[in-house]
Amino acid sequence: MNSGFGKYLKDYLEFYNISQTEFANRLGITQKHMNEILNCKADITLEMAVNIERLTKIPLSFIINSEHRKRVTNELIEQYEDEKKVNKKMKEEFFLKELDERKWIDFKDITNPIQNYMDIMEFLKVKDLSALMRIQEKTLFKKSGTDLNKLNLWIARCDEIAQNQEIKNYDSCNFKFLISDLKDIAFKEKYNLDEIQILMNNYGIYFVVEKALSGSKVRGCFKVKGKNPAIYITKNYSGKDSFYFELFHELGHCKSDYNEGKNKVIVEGTEKQELRADKFALNTMIDENIWKEIEDNTVEENLIKISKENKIPMSFIVGRLAKNKKIAYTSKLYNDYYTS
């Protein structure tokens, strides 16, 4: 069990040949209280930590962190009995190996389960597991358990990346111009994620594309950071049309669910919210009136003409035709124009 700052203070007093009684007098506490601190039977308050720093020149941050570690250790041992069980929980529910391999977290000591717990809580920006559960309650996601942990670790990673983006003020009045500019980028033969990110940032929206943790089926989420919308997308998309559908789906949430996104993370909203976001994405990619024209005539020449006249990528057209079983995924038309 971690003994907190008490053991370091005891070493300090021994090194400088200061008696416990003398140091207790300097701190203005009883010898009994001093003994309890040195033997980890009493916590060190912030006021006392400040006084110890002043008397010893030991950094306040070190004193506070040592005491915090002691409290965390005691709480975890009380909850899980021993460090082996803490380690088992960390490995099984917080995917230490993958987090370490992908360098999402700079673990201070990967062999120490208590330190791993503290590193993960710091990464997730929460005080402890109970605080994490309260955060998870604000996440609109139908899955639970380790799936929810994977999701929150991924969101924390995206938050970290987003913090480095230069963001402008968000104005919902400019939303239609953003959509127009995105459609122009989409019509290009190849799309560039950096170009899309810069555009989104210029319109006041954080935008991150980051691979999800192994086994996670999440495709994206919408939230609001401060006053700025944030759209995070995983790399669980098969091609250009799949990527843009997810992007426009999340922008659909931005358009309709901005206020809810201020205190919730929308991964899977209500059925109404998801249907609305899906409809927005489909109509943004291909207007419903144009789609009727496409369905009525799937001849290649006609589709190319519609694509050029309406600046709709052919991959959007053939991807949706295949999904709606109007053409086969194995057809020449699909394979000639689908962009992966």
C-alpha atoms as a PDB file:
ATOM      1  CA  MET A   1       0.000   0.000   0.000  1.00  0.00           C
ATOM      2  CA  ASN A   2       1.320   3.468  -0.896  1.00  0.00           C
ATOM      3  CA  SER A   3       2.314   5.511   2.138  1.00  0.00           C
ATOM      4  CA  GLY A   4       1.876   8.917   0.548  1.00  0.00           C
ATOM      5  CA  PHE A   5       4.051  11.884   1.437  1.00  0.00           C
ATOM      6  CA  GLY A   6       4.588  10.746   5.026  1.00  0.00           C
ATOM      7  CA  LYS A   7       7.488   8.428   4.158  1.00  0.00           C
ATOM      8  CA  TYR A   8       9.232  11.175   2.157  1.00  0.00           C
ATOM      9  CA  LEU A   9       8.854  13.641   5.007  1.00  0.00           C
ATOM     10  CA  LYS A  10      10.242  11.069   7.444  1.00  0.00           C
ATOM     11  CA  ASP A  11      13.286  10.578   5.181  1.00  0.00           C
ATOM     12  CA  TYR A  12      13.701  14.367   4.957  1.00  0.00           C
ATOM     13  CA  LEU A  13      13.706  14.781   8.746  1.00  0.00           C
ATOM     14  CA  GLU A  14      16.188  11.942   9.188  1.00  0.00           C
ATOM     15  CA  PHE A  15      18.499  13.297   6.466  1.00  0.00           C
ATOM     16  CA  TYR A  16      18.600  16.786   7.990  1.00  0.00           C
ATOM     17  CA  ASN A  17      18.653  15.419  11.569  1.00  0.00           C
ATOM     18  CA  ILE A  18      15.435  17.200  12.571  1.00  0.00           C
ATOM     19  CA  SER A  19      13.384  15.626  15.343  1.00  0.00           C
ATOM     20  CA  GLN A  20       9.670  14.999  14.911  1.00  0.00           C
ATOM     21  CA  THR A  21       8.997  17.192  17.935  1.00  0.00           C
ATOM     22  CA  GLU A  22      10.973  20.102  16.522  1.00  0.00           C
ATOM     23  CA  PHE A  23       9.251  19.895  13.116  1.00  0.00           C
ATOM     24  CA  ALA A  24       5.828  19.565  14.783  1.00  0.00           C
ATOM     25  CA  ASN A  25       6.525  22.789  16.657  1.00  0.00           C
ATOM     26  CA  ARG A  26       7.573  24.532  13.447  1.00  0.00           C
ATOM     27  CA  LEU A  27       4.346  23.394  11.771  1.00  0.00           C
ATOM     28  CA  GLY A  28       2.273  24.375  14.775  1.00  0.00           C
ATOM     29  CA  ILE A  29       0.775  20.909  15.324  1.00  0.00           C
ATOM     30  CA  THR A  30       0.995  18.394  18.176  1.00  0.00           C
ATOM     31  CA  GLN A  31       3.635  15.686  18.256  1.00  0.00           C
ATOM     32  CA  LYS A  32       0.835  13.096  18.072  1.00  0.00           C
ATOM     33  CA  HIS A  33      -0.496  14.671  14.851  1.00  0.00           C
ATOM     34  CA  MET A  34       3.061  14.752  13.465  1.00  0.00           C
ATOM     35  CA  ASN A  35       3.478  11.059  14.221  1.00  0.00           C
ATOM     36  CA  GLU A  36       0.167  10.235  12.502  1.00  0.00           C
ATOM     37  CA  ILE A  37       1.260  12.103   9.376  1.00  0.00           C
ATOM     38  CA  LEU A  38       4.633  10.350   9.219  1.00  0.00           C
ATOM     39  CA  ASN A  39       2.940   6.962   9.684  1.00  0.00           C
ATOM     40  CA  CYS A  40       0.158   7.662   7.176  1.00  0.00           C
ATOM     41  CA  LYS A  41      -2.635   7.680   9.710  1.00  0.00           C
ATOM     42  CA  ALA A  42      -3.618  11.285   8.923  1.00  0.00           C
ATOM     43  CA  ASP A  43      -4.033  13.133   5.630  1.00  0.00           C
ATOM     44  CA  ILE A  44      -2.106  16.285   4.834  1.00  0.00           C
ATOM     45  CA  THR A  45      -4.398  19.237   4.158  1.00  0.00           C
ATOM     46  CA  LEU A  46      -3.669  21.790   1.460  1.00  0.00           C
ATOM     47  CA  GLU A  47      -2.868  24.421   4.093  1.00  0.00           C
ATOM     48  CA  MET A  48      -0.435  22.080   5.794  1.00  0.00           C
ATOM     49  CA  ALA A  49       1.134  21.116   2.448  1.00  0.00           C
ATOM     50  CA  VAL A  50       1.774  24.814   1.757  1.00  0.00           C
ATOM     51  CA  ASN A  51       3.443  25.186   5.154  1.00  0.00           C
ATOM     52  CA  ILE A  52       5.575  22.072   4.599  1.00  0.00           C
ATOM     53  CA  GLU A  53       6.706  23.439   1.233  1.00  0.00           C
ATOM     54  CA  ARG A  54       7.647  26.732   2.887  1.00  0.00           C
ATOM     55  CA  LEU A  55       9.661  24.995   5.617  1.00  0.00           C
ATOM     56  CA  THR A  56      11.356  22.309   3.498  1.00  0.00           C
ATOM     57  CA  LYS A  57      11.379  23.757  -0.062  1.00  0.00           C
ATOM     58  CA  ILE A  58       9.865  20.452  -1.249  1.00  0.00           C
ATOM     59  CA  PRO A  59       7.579  21.369  -4.204  1.00  0.00           C
ATOM     60  CA  LEU A  60       3.899  21.663  -3.295  1.00  0.00           C
ATOM     61  CA  SER A  61       2.953  19.646  -6.396  1.00  0.00           C
ATOM     62  CA  PHE A  62       5.028  16.693  -5.177  1.00  0.00           C
ATOM     63  CA  ILE A  63       3.377  16.778  -1.733  1.00  0.00           C
ATOM     64  CA  ILE A  64      -0.144  16.974  -3.183  1.00  0.00           C
ATOM     65  CA  ASN A  65       0.512  14.269  -5.803  1.00  0.00           C
ATOM     66  CA  SER A  66       1.946  11.923  -3.167  1.00  0.00           C
ATOM     67  CA  GLU A  67      -1.119  12.378  -0.973  1.00  0.00           C
ATOM     68  CA  HIS A  68      -3.445  11.974  -3.940  1.00  0.00           C
ATOM     69  CA  ARG A  69      -1.725   8.735  -4.904  1.00  0.00           C
ATOM     70  CA  LYS A  70      -2.122   7.473  -1.336  1.00  0.00           C
ATOM     71  CA  ARG A  71      -5.855   8.192  -1.351  1.00  0.00           C
ATOM     72  CA  VAL A  72      -6.316   6.602  -4.782  1.00  0.00           C
ATOM     73  CA  THR A  73      -4.380   3.497  -3.697  1.00  0.00           C
ATOM     74  CA  ASN A  74      -6.433   3.101  -0.520  1.00  0.00           C
ATOM     75  CA  GLU A  75      -9.707   3.531  -2.418  1.00  0.00           C
ATOM     76  CA  LEU A  76      -8.735   0.986  -5.090  1.00  0.00           C
ATOM     77  CA  ILE A  77      -7.472  -1.587  -2.591  1.00  0.00           C
ATOM     78  CA  GLU A  78     -10.665  -1.176  -0.578  1.00  0.00           C
ATOM     79  CA  GLN A  79     -12.748  -1.696  -3.728  1.00  0.00           C
ATOM     80  CA  TYR A  80     -10.734  -4.454  -5.453  1.00  0.00           C
ATOM     81  CA  GLU A  81      -8.879  -6.090  -2.501  1.00  0.00           C
ATOM     82  CA  ASP A  82      -5.382  -6.040  -3.994  1.00  0.00           C
ATOM     83  CA  GLU A  83      -3.228  -4.586  -6.787  1.00  0.00           C
ATOM     84  CA  LYS A  84      -3.496  -7.756  -8.890  1.00  0.00           C
ATOM     85  CA  LYS A  85      -7.255  -7.274  -9.220  1.00  0.00           C
ATOM     86  CA  VAL A  86      -6.758  -3.577  -9.975  1.00  0.00           C
ATOM     87  CA  ASN A  87      -4.323  -4.590 -12.717  1.00  0.00           C
ATOM     88  CA  LYS A  88      -6.811  -7.122 -14.117  1.00  0.00           C
ATOM     89  CA  LYS A  89      -9.532  -4.469 -14.321  1.00  0.00           C
ATOM     90  CA  MET A  90      -7.212  -1.995 -16.045  1.00  0.00           C
ATOM     91  CA  LYS A  91      -6.103  -4.551 -18.627  1.00  0.00           C
ATOM     92  CA  GLU A  92      -9.570  -5.927 -19.346  1.00  0.00           C
ATOM     93  CA  GLU A  93     -11.606  -2.740 -19.295  1.00  0.00           C
ATOM     94  CA  PHE A  94      -9.164  -0.027 -20.354  1.00  0.00           C
ATOM     95  CA  PHE A  95      -7.017  -1.832 -22.954  1.00  0.00           C
ATOM     96  CA  LEU A  96      -3.592  -0.866 -21.621  1.00  0.00           C
ATOM     97  CA  LYS A  97      -1.640  -2.748 -24.291  1.00  0.00           C
ATOM     98  CA  GLU A  98      -3.354  -1.027 -27.220  1.00  0.00           C
ATOM     99  CA  LEU A  99      -3.278   2.404 -25.566  1.00  0.00           C
ATOM    100  CA  ASP A 100       0.451   1.980 -24.983  1.00  0.00           C
ATOM    101  CA  GLU A 101       1.157   0.667 -28.499  1.00  0.00           C
ATOM    102  CA  ARG A 102      -0.738   3.519 -30.118  1.00  0.00           C
ATOM    103  CA  LYS A 103       0.948   6.084 -27.857  1.00  0.00           C
ATOM    104  CA  TRP A 104      -2.356   7.606 -26.788  1.00  0.00           C
ATOM    105  CA  ILE A 105      -1.104   7.653 -23.194  1.00  0.00           C
ATOM    106  CA  ASP A 106       2.445   8.132 -22.021  1.00  0.00           C
ATOM    107  CA  PHE A 107       2.303   5.643 -19.153  1.00  0.00           C
ATOM    108  CA  LYS A 108       4.698   6.586 -16.365  1.00  0.00           C
ATOM    109  CA  ASP A 109       5.142   2.958 -15.299  1.00  0.00           C
ATOM    110  CA  ILE A 110       3.193   0.385 -17.321  1.00  0.00           C
ATOM    111  CA  THR A 111       4.028  -2.306 -14.731  1.00  0.00           C
ATOM    112  CA  ASN A 112       2.341  -0.406 -11.883  1.00  0.00           C
ATOM    113  CA  PRO A 113      -1.470  -0.883 -11.817  1.00  0.00           C
ATOM    114  CA  ILE A 114      -2.101   2.070  -9.474  1.00  0.00           C
ATOM    115  CA  GLN A 115      -0.065   4.396 -11.682  1.00  0.00           C
ATOM    116  CA  ASN A 116      -1.857   3.019 -14.765  1.00  0.00           C
ATOM    117  CA  TYR A 117      -5.186   3.877 -13.159  1.00  0.00           C
ATOM    118  CA  MET A 118      -4.006   7.411 -12.388  1.00  0.00           C
ATOM    119  CA  ASP A 119      -2.639   7.870 -15.927  1.00  0.00           C
ATOM    120  CA  ILE A 120      -5.922   6.718 -17.490  1.00  0.00           C
ATOM    121  CA  MET A 121      -8.037   8.949 -15.252  1.00  0.00           C
ATOM    122  CA  GLU A 122      -5.765  11.884 -16.141  1.00  0.00           C
ATOM    123  CA  PHE A 123      -6.148  11.062 -19.847  1.00  0.00           C
ATOM    124  CA  LEU A 124      -9.935  10.872 -19.502  1.00  0.00           C
ATOM    125  CA  LYS A 125      -9.896  14.149 -17.526  1.00  0.00           C
ATOM    126  CA  VAL A 126     -11.903  12.703 -14.622  1.00  0.00           C
ATOM    127  CA  LYS A 127     -11.248  12.437 -10.877  1.00  0.00           C
ATOM    128  CA  ASP A 128     -12.012   8.726 -10.585  1.00  0.00           C
ATOM    129  CA  LEU A 129     -14.211   5.878 -11.873  1.00  0.00           C
ATOM    130  CA  SER A 130     -17.336   7.311 -10.247  1.00  0.00           C
ATOM    131  CA  ALA A 131     -16.769  10.609 -12.077  1.00  0.00           C
ATOM    132  CA  LEU A 132     -16.230   8.655 -15.312  1.00  0.00           C
ATOM    133  CA  MET A 133     -19.590   6.954 -14.806  1.00  0.00           C
ATOM    134  CA  ARG A 134     -21.261  10.355 -14.478  1.00  0.00           C
ATOM    135  CA  ILE A 135     -19.608  11.438 -17.727  1.00  0.00           C
ATOM    136  CA  GLN A 136     -20.784   8.233 -19.412  1.00  0.00           C
ATOM    137  CA  GLU A 137     -24.350   8.951 -18.327  1.00  0.00           C
ATOM    138  CA  LYS A 138     -24.167  12.055 -20.546  1.00  0.00           C
ATOM    139  CA  THR A 139     -23.127   9.967 -23.561  1.00  0.00           C
ATOM    140  CA  LEU A 140     -25.961   8.966 -25.872  1.00  0.00           C
ATOM    141  CA  PHE A 141     -24.801   5.472 -26.812  1.00  0.00           C
ATOM    142  CA  LYS A 142     -26.814   2.258 -26.722  1.00  0.00           C
ATOM    143  CA  LYS A 143     -23.936  -0.003 -25.695  1.00  0.00           C
ATOM    144  CA  SER A 144     -22.367  -0.235 -22.237  1.00  0.00           C
ATOM    145  CA  GLY A 145     -19.437  -1.734 -20.311  1.00  0.00           C
ATOM    146  CA  THR A 146     -16.166  -2.049 -22.197  1.00  0.00           C
ATOM    147  CA  ASP A 147     -17.777  -0.667 -25.378  1.00  0.00           C
ATOM    148  CA  LEU A 148     -18.516   2.546 -23.504  1.00  0.00           C
ATOM    149  CA  ASN A 149     -14.974   2.625 -22.127  1.00  0.00           C
ATOM    150  CA  LYS A 150     -13.543   2.240 -25.643  1.00  0.00           C
ATOM    151  CA  LEU A 151     -15.780   5.063 -26.799  1.00  0.00           C
ATOM    152  CA  ASN A 152     -14.761   7.416 -23.993  1.00  0.00           C
ATOM    153  CA  LEU A 153     -11.066   6.686 -24.514  1.00  0.00           C
ATOM    154  CA  TRP A 154     -11.478   7.447 -28.229  1.00  0.00           C
ATOM    155  CA  ILE A 155     -13.367  10.686 -27.494  1.00  0.00           C
ATOM    156  CA  ALA A 156     -10.630  11.724 -25.034  1.00  0.00           C
ATOM    157  CA  ARG A 157      -8.052  11.085 -27.739  1.00  0.00           C
ATOM    158  CA  CYS A 158     -10.036  13.196 -30.230  1.00  0.00           C
ATOM    159  CA  ASP A 159     -10.419  15.971 -27.636  1.00  0.00           C
ATOM    160  CA  GLU A 160      -6.656  15.974 -27.208  1.00  0.00           C
ATOM    161  CA  ILE A 161      -6.082  16.313 -30.969  1.00  0.00           C
ATOM    162  CA  ALA A 162      -8.811  18.952 -31.324  1.00  0.00           C
ATOM    163  CA  GLN A 163      -7.148  21.177 -28.723  1.00  0.00           C
ATOM    164  CA  ASN A 164      -4.293  21.798 -31.173  1.00  0.00           C
ATOM    165  CA  GLN A 165      -6.589  23.068 -33.919  1.00  0.00           C
ATOM    166  CA  GLU A 166      -6.904  26.766 -34.686  1.00  0.00           C
ATOM    167  CA  ILE A 167     -10.622  27.355 -34.431  1.00  0.00           C
ATOM    168  CA  LYS A 168     -12.717  30.374 -35.398  1.00  0.00           C
ATOM    169  CA  ASN A 169     -16.045  31.476 -33.935  1.00  0.00           C
ATOM    170  CA  TYR A 170     -19.024  29.336 -34.863  1.00  0.00           C
ATOM    171  CA  ASP A 171     -22.027  31.044 -36.472  1.00  0.00           C
ATOM    172  CA  SER A 172     -24.966  28.827 -37.399  1.00  0.00           C
ATOM    173  CA  CYS A 173     -25.948  31.381 -40.062  1.00  0.00           C
ATOM    174  CA  ASN A 174     -22.915  30.231 -42.069  1.00  0.00           C
ATOM    175  CA  PHE A 175     -23.916  26.566 -41.926  1.00  0.00           C
ATOM    176  CA  LYS A 176     -25.323  26.460 -45.480  1.00  0.00           C
ATOM    177  CA  PHE A 177     -22.078  27.940 -46.849  1.00  0.00           C
ATOM    178  CA  LEU A 178     -20.073  25.245 -45.063  1.00  0.00           C
ATOM    179  CA  ILE A 179     -22.232  22.546 -46.659  1.00  0.00           C
ATOM    180  CA  SER A 180     -21.770  24.132 -50.098  1.00  0.00           C
ATOM    181  CA  ASP A 181     -17.987  24.284 -49.674  1.00  0.00           C
ATOM    182  CA  LEU A 182     -17.850  20.671 -48.482  1.00  0.00           C
ATOM    183  CA  LYS A 183     -19.827  19.529 -51.524  1.00  0.00           C
ATOM    184  CA  ASP A 184     -17.316  21.342 -53.758  1.00  0.00           C
ATOM    185  CA  ILE A 185     -14.478  19.446 -52.071  1.00  0.00           C
ATOM    186  CA  ALA A 186     -16.409  16.183 -52.373  1.00  0.00           C
ATOM    187  CA  PHE A 187     -16.785  16.634 -56.124  1.00  0.00           C
ATOM    188  CA  LYS A 188     -13.029  16.609 -56.556  1.00  0.00           C
ATOM    189  CA  GLU A 189     -11.570  13.321 -57.746  1.00  0.00           C
ATOM    190  CA  LYS A 190      -9.805  12.755 -54.406  1.00  0.00           C
ATOM    191  CA  TYR A 191     -10.648  14.164 -51.011  1.00  0.00           C
ATOM    192  CA  ASN A 192      -8.072  15.420 -48.545  1.00  0.00           C
ATOM    193  CA  LEU A 193      -8.766  15.187 -44.800  1.00  0.00           C
ATOM    194  CA  ASP A 194      -6.425  18.085 -44.019  1.00  0.00           C
ATOM    195  CA  GLU A 195      -8.321  20.312 -46.451  1.00  0.00           C
ATOM    196  CA  ILE A 196     -11.624  19.315 -44.853  1.00  0.00           C
ATOM    197  CA  GLN A 197     -10.275  19.951 -41.353  1.00  0.00           C
ATOM    198  CA  ILE A 198      -9.052  23.443 -42.255  1.00  0.00           C
ATOM    199  CA  LEU A 199     -12.425  24.258 -43.818  1.00  0.00           C
ATOM    200  CA  MET A 200     -14.340  22.975 -40.775  1.00  0.00           C
ATOM    201  CA  ASN A 201     -12.062  24.915 -38.403  1.00  0.00           C
ATOM    202  CA  ASN A 202     -12.598  28.099 -40.441  1.00  0.00           C
ATOM    203  CA  TYR A 203     -16.332  27.660 -39.912  1.00  0.00           C
ATOM    204  CA  GLY A 204     -15.793  27.204 -36.174  1.00  0.00           C
ATOM    205  CA  ILE A 205     -16.082  23.409 -35.959  1.00  0.00           C
ATOM    206  CA  TYR A 206     -13.511  21.071 -34.435  1.00  0.00           C
ATOM    207  CA  PHE A 207     -12.922  18.128 -36.764  1.00  0.00           C
ATOM    208  CA  VAL A 208     -10.935  14.973 -36.017  1.00  0.00           C
ATOM    209  CA  VAL A 209     -10.649  11.666 -37.844  1.00  0.00           C
ATOM    210  CA  GLU A 210      -9.011   9.070 -35.604  1.00  0.00           C
ATOM    211  CA  LYS A 211      -9.004   5.271 -35.700  1.00  0.00           C
ATOM    212  CA  ALA A 212     -11.172   3.727 -32.991  1.00  0.00           C
ATOM    213  CA  LEU A 213      -9.894   1.129 -30.550  1.00  0.00           C
ATOM    214  CA  SER A 214      -9.973  -2.467 -31.782  1.00  0.00           C
ATOM    215  CA  GLY A 215     -13.436  -4.011 -31.819  1.00  0.00           C
ATOM    216  CA  SER A 216     -15.262  -0.693 -31.489  1.00  0.00           C
ATOM    217  CA  LYS A 217     -18.130  -0.267 -33.955  1.00  0.00           C
ATOM    218  CA  VAL A 218     -18.545   3.473 -33.401  1.00  0.00           C
ATOM    219  CA  ARG A 219     -18.425   5.601 -36.567  1.00  0.00           C
ATOM    220  CA  GLY A 220     -18.591   9.127 -35.186  1.00  0.00           C
ATOM    221  CA  CYS A 221     -19.968  11.517 -32.600  1.00  0.00           C
ATOM    222  CA  PHE A 222     -21.119  15.087 -32.139  1.00  0.00           C
ATOM    223  CA  LYS A 223     -20.568  17.318 -29.104  1.00  0.00           C
ATOM    224  CA  VAL A 224     -20.056  20.992 -28.280  1.00  0.00           C
ATOM    225  CA  LYS A 225     -16.751  22.176 -26.768  1.00  0.00           C
ATOM    226  CA  GLY A 226     -17.392  25.557 -25.175  1.00  0.00           C
ATOM    227  CA  LYS A 227     -19.425  27.224 -27.920  1.00  0.00           C
ATOM    228  CA  ASN A 228     -17.839  25.364 -30.818  1.00  0.00           C
ATOM    229  CA  PRO A 229     -19.305  22.190 -32.307  1.00  0.00           C
ATOM    230  CA  ALA A 230     -16.964  19.203 -32.480  1.00  0.00           C
ATOM    231  CA  ILE A 231     -17.301  16.358 -34.962  1.00  0.00           C
ATOM    232  CA  TYR A 232     -15.188  13.256 -34.461  1.00  0.00           C
ATOM    233  CA  ILE A 233     -15.164  10.431 -37.010  1.00  0.00           C
ATOM    234  CA  THR A 234     -13.481   7.030 -36.800  1.00  0.00           C
ATOM    235  CA  LYS A 235     -11.884   5.333 -39.779  1.00  0.00           C
ATOM    236  CA  ASN A 236     -14.650   2.726 -39.903  1.00  0.00           C
ATOM    237  CA  TYR A 237     -15.728   3.746 -43.388  1.00  0.00           C
ATOM    238  CA  SER A 238     -15.200   1.816 -46.607  1.00  0.00           C
ATOM    239  CA  GLY A 239     -15.001   4.603 -49.171  1.00  0.00           C
ATOM    240  CA  LYS A 240     -15.617   8.199 -50.145  1.00  0.00           C
ATOM    241  CA  ASP A 241     -19.418   8.010 -50.009  1.00  0.00           C
ATOM    242  CA  SER A 242     -19.302   6.227 -46.634  1.00  0.00           C
ATOM    243  CA  PHE A 243     -17.017   8.910 -45.204  1.00  0.00           C
ATOM    244  CA  TYR A 244     -19.135  11.802 -46.461  1.00  0.00           C
ATOM    245  CA  PHE A 245     -22.339  10.156 -45.276  1.00  0.00           C
ATOM    246  CA  GLU A 246     -20.891  10.001 -41.766  1.00  0.00           C
ATOM    247  CA  LEU A 247     -19.615  13.587 -41.974  1.00  0.00           C
ATOM    248  CA  PHE A 248     -22.974  14.939 -43.177  1.00  0.00           C
ATOM    249  CA  HIS A 249     -24.781  12.763 -40.613  1.00  0.00           C
ATOM    250  CA  GLU A 250     -22.821  14.422 -37.782  1.00  0.00           C
ATOM    251  CA  LEU A 251     -23.387  17.829 -39.371  1.00  0.00           C
ATOM    252  CA  GLY A 252     -27.083  16.954 -39.302  1.00  0.00           C
ATOM    253  CA  HIS A 253     -26.777  16.627 -35.530  1.00  0.00           C
ATOM    254  CA  CYS A 254     -24.927  19.956 -35.479  1.00  0.00           C
ATOM    255  CA  LYS A 255     -27.784  21.598 -37.353  1.00  0.00           C
ATOM    256  CA  SER A 256     -30.592  20.138 -35.255  1.00  0.00           C
ATOM    257  CA  ASP A 257     -29.074  19.055 -31.933  1.00  0.00           C
ATOM    258  CA  TYR A 258     -26.555  21.811 -31.126  1.00  0.00           C
ATOM    259  CA  ASN A 259     -28.169  22.734 -27.795  1.00  0.00           C
ATOM    260  CA  GLU A 260     -28.301  19.117 -26.599  1.00  0.00           C
ATOM    261  CA  GLY A 261     -24.669  18.717 -27.651  1.00  0.00           C
ATOM    262  CA  LYS A 262     -23.698  21.331 -25.041  1.00  0.00           C
ATOM    263  CA  ASN A 263     -24.082  18.821 -22.198  1.00  0.00           C
ATOM    264  CA  LYS A 264     -24.230  15.469 -24.006  1.00  0.00           C
ATOM    265  CA  VAL A 265     -22.104  13.529 -26.464  1.00  0.00           C
ATOM    266  CA  ILE A 266     -24.323  12.259 -29.270  1.00  0.00           C
ATOM    267  CA  VAL A 267     -23.091   8.939 -30.633  1.00  0.00           C
ATOM    268  CA  GLU A 268     -26.444   7.239 -31.036  1.00  0.00           C
ATOM    269  CA  GLY A 269     -29.258   9.648 -30.282  1.00  0.00           C
ATOM    270  CA  THR A 270     -32.960   8.953 -30.154  1.00  0.00           C
ATOM    271  CA  GLU A 271     -34.568   7.220 -33.125  1.00  0.00           C
ATOM    272  CA  LYS A 272     -35.958  10.575 -34.233  1.00  0.00           C
ATOM    273  CA  GLN A 273     -32.551  12.258 -34.018  1.00  0.00           C
ATOM    274  CA  GLU A 274     -30.812   9.482 -35.960  1.00  0.00           C
ATOM    275  CA  LEU A 275     -33.456   9.330 -38.698  1.00  0.00           C
ATOM    276  CA  ARG A 276     -33.308  13.110 -39.039  1.00  0.00           C
ATOM    277  CA  ALA A 277     -29.504  13.090 -39.282  1.00  0.00           C
ATOM    278  CA  ASP A 278     -29.606  10.244 -41.819  1.00  0.00           C
ATOM    279  CA  LYS A 279     -32.142  12.105 -43.953  1.00  0.00           C
ATOM    280  CA  PHE A 280     -30.030  15.266 -43.825  1.00  0.00           C
ATOM    281  CA  ALA A 281     -26.956  13.307 -44.937  1.00  0.00           C
ATOM    282  CA  LEU A 282     -28.753  11.572 -47.809  1.00  0.00           C
ATOM    283  CA  ASN A 283     -30.389  14.763 -49.089  1.00  0.00           C
ATOM    284  CA  THR A 284     -27.136  16.696 -48.793  1.00  0.00           C
ATOM    285  CA  MET A 285     -25.242  14.110 -50.813  1.00  0.00           C
ATOM    286  CA  ILE A 286     -28.006  13.706 -53.411  1.00  0.00           C
ATOM    287  CA  ASP A 287     -31.140  15.849 -53.412  1.00  0.00           C
ATOM    288  CA  GLU A 288     -34.243  13.654 -53.193  1.00  0.00           C
ATOM    289  CA  ASN A 289     -35.649  15.006 -56.481  1.00  0.00           C
ATOM    290  CA  ILE A 290     -32.401  14.219 -58.277  1.00  0.00           C
ATOM    291  CA  TRP A 291     -32.353  10.804 -56.646  1.00  0.00           C
ATOM    292  CA  LYS A 292     -35.729   9.974 -58.185  1.00  0.00           C
ATOM    293  CA  GLU A 293     -34.308  10.838 -61.590  1.00  0.00           C
ATOM    294  CA  ILE A 294     -31.296   8.593 -60.928  1.00  0.00           C
ATOM    295  CA  GLU A 295     -33.476   5.677 -59.858  1.00  0.00           C
ATOM    296  CA  ASP A 296     -35.571   5.967 -63.006  1.00  0.00           C
ATOM    297  CA  ASN A 297     -32.575   5.656 -65.321  1.00  0.00           C
ATOM    298  CA  THR A 298     -29.398   3.865 -64.279  1.00  0.00           C
ATOM    299  CA  VAL A 299     -27.785   4.013 -67.721  1.00  0.00           C
ATOM    300  CA  GLU A 300     -24.151   5.048 -67.323  1.00  0.00           C
ATOM    301  CA  GLU A 301     -24.318   7.998 -69.737  1.00  0.00           C
ATOM    302  CA  ASN A 302     -27.335   9.436 -67.939  1.00  0.00           C
ATOM    303  CA  LEU A 303     -25.669   9.076 -64.551  1.00  0.00           C
ATOM    304  CA  ILE A 304     -22.511  10.819 -65.760  1.00  0.00           C
ATOM    305  CA  LYS A 305     -24.618  13.694 -67.080  1.00  0.00           C
ATOM    306  CA  ILE A 306     -26.484  14.042 -63.767  1.00  0.00           C
ATOM    307  CA  SER A 307     -23.165  13.876 -61.895  1.00  0.00           C
ATOM    308  CA  LYS A 308     -21.626  16.727 -63.906  1.00  0.00           C
ATOM    309  CA  GLU A 309     -24.721  18.951 -64.016  1.00  0.00           C
ATOM    310  CA  ASN A 310     -25.339  18.706 -60.251  1.00  0.00           C
ATOM    311  CA  LYS A 311     -21.735  18.316 -59.084  1.00  0.00           C
ATOM    312  CA  ILE A 312     -22.488  14.984 -57.435  1.00  0.00           C
ATOM    313  CA  PRO A 313     -19.560  12.535 -57.248  1.00  0.00           C
ATOM    314  CA  MET A 314     -20.212   9.347 -59.213  1.00  0.00           C
ATOM    315  CA  SER A 315     -19.100   7.369 -56.153  1.00  0.00           C
ATOM    316  CA  PHE A 316     -22.084   8.842 -54.245  1.00  0.00           C
ATOM    317  CA  ILE A 317     -24.426   7.753 -57.026  1.00  0.00           C
ATOM    318  CA  VAL A 318     -23.168   4.192 -57.556  1.00  0.00           C
ATOM    319  CA  GLY A 319     -22.652   3.650 -53.817  1.00  0.00           C
ATOM    320  CA  ARG A 320     -26.264   4.511 -53.065  1.00  0.00           C
ATOM    321  CA  LEU A 321     -27.569   2.562 -56.048  1.00  0.00           C
ATOM    322  CA  ALA A 322     -25.724  -0.527 -54.812  1.00  0.00           C
ATOM    323  CA  LYS A 323     -26.918  -0.066 -51.245  1.00  0.00           C
ATOM    324  CA  ASN A 324     -30.508   0.223 -52.484  1.00  0.00           C
ATOM    325  CA  LYS A 325     -29.963  -2.905 -54.643  1.00  0.00           C
ATOM    326  CA  LYS A 326     -30.523  -1.018 -57.903  1.00  0.00           C
ATOM    327  CA  ILE A 327     -27.163  -2.280 -59.137  1.00  0.00           C
ATOM    328  CA  ALA A 328     -24.896  -5.066 -57.914  1.00  0.00           C
ATOM    329  CA  TYR A 329     -21.719  -4.437 -55.931  1.00  0.00           C
ATOM    330  CA  THR A 330     -20.036  -6.709 -58.457  1.00  0.00           C
ATOM    331  CA  SER A 331     -21.268  -4.687 -61.454  1.00  0.00           C
ATOM    332  CA  LYS A 332     -18.838  -2.904 -63.784  1.00  0.00           C
ATOM    333  CA  LEU A 333     -20.663   0.381 -63.141  1.00  0.00           C
ATOM    334  CA  TYR A 334     -20.065   0.143 -59.397  1.00  0.00           C
ATOM    335  CA  ASN A 335     -16.436  -0.925 -59.665  1.00  0.00           C
ATOM    336  CA  ASP A 336     -15.607   1.712 -62.279  1.00  0.00           C
ATOM    337  CA  TYR A 337     -16.818   4.648 -60.228  1.00  0.00           C
ATOM    338  CA  TYR A 338     -16.797   3.686 -56.554  1.00  0.00           C
ATOM    339  CA  THR A 339     -13.965   5.530 -54.791  1.00  0.00           C
ATOM    340  CA  SER A 340     -12.367   3.734 -51.884  1.00  0.00           C
END
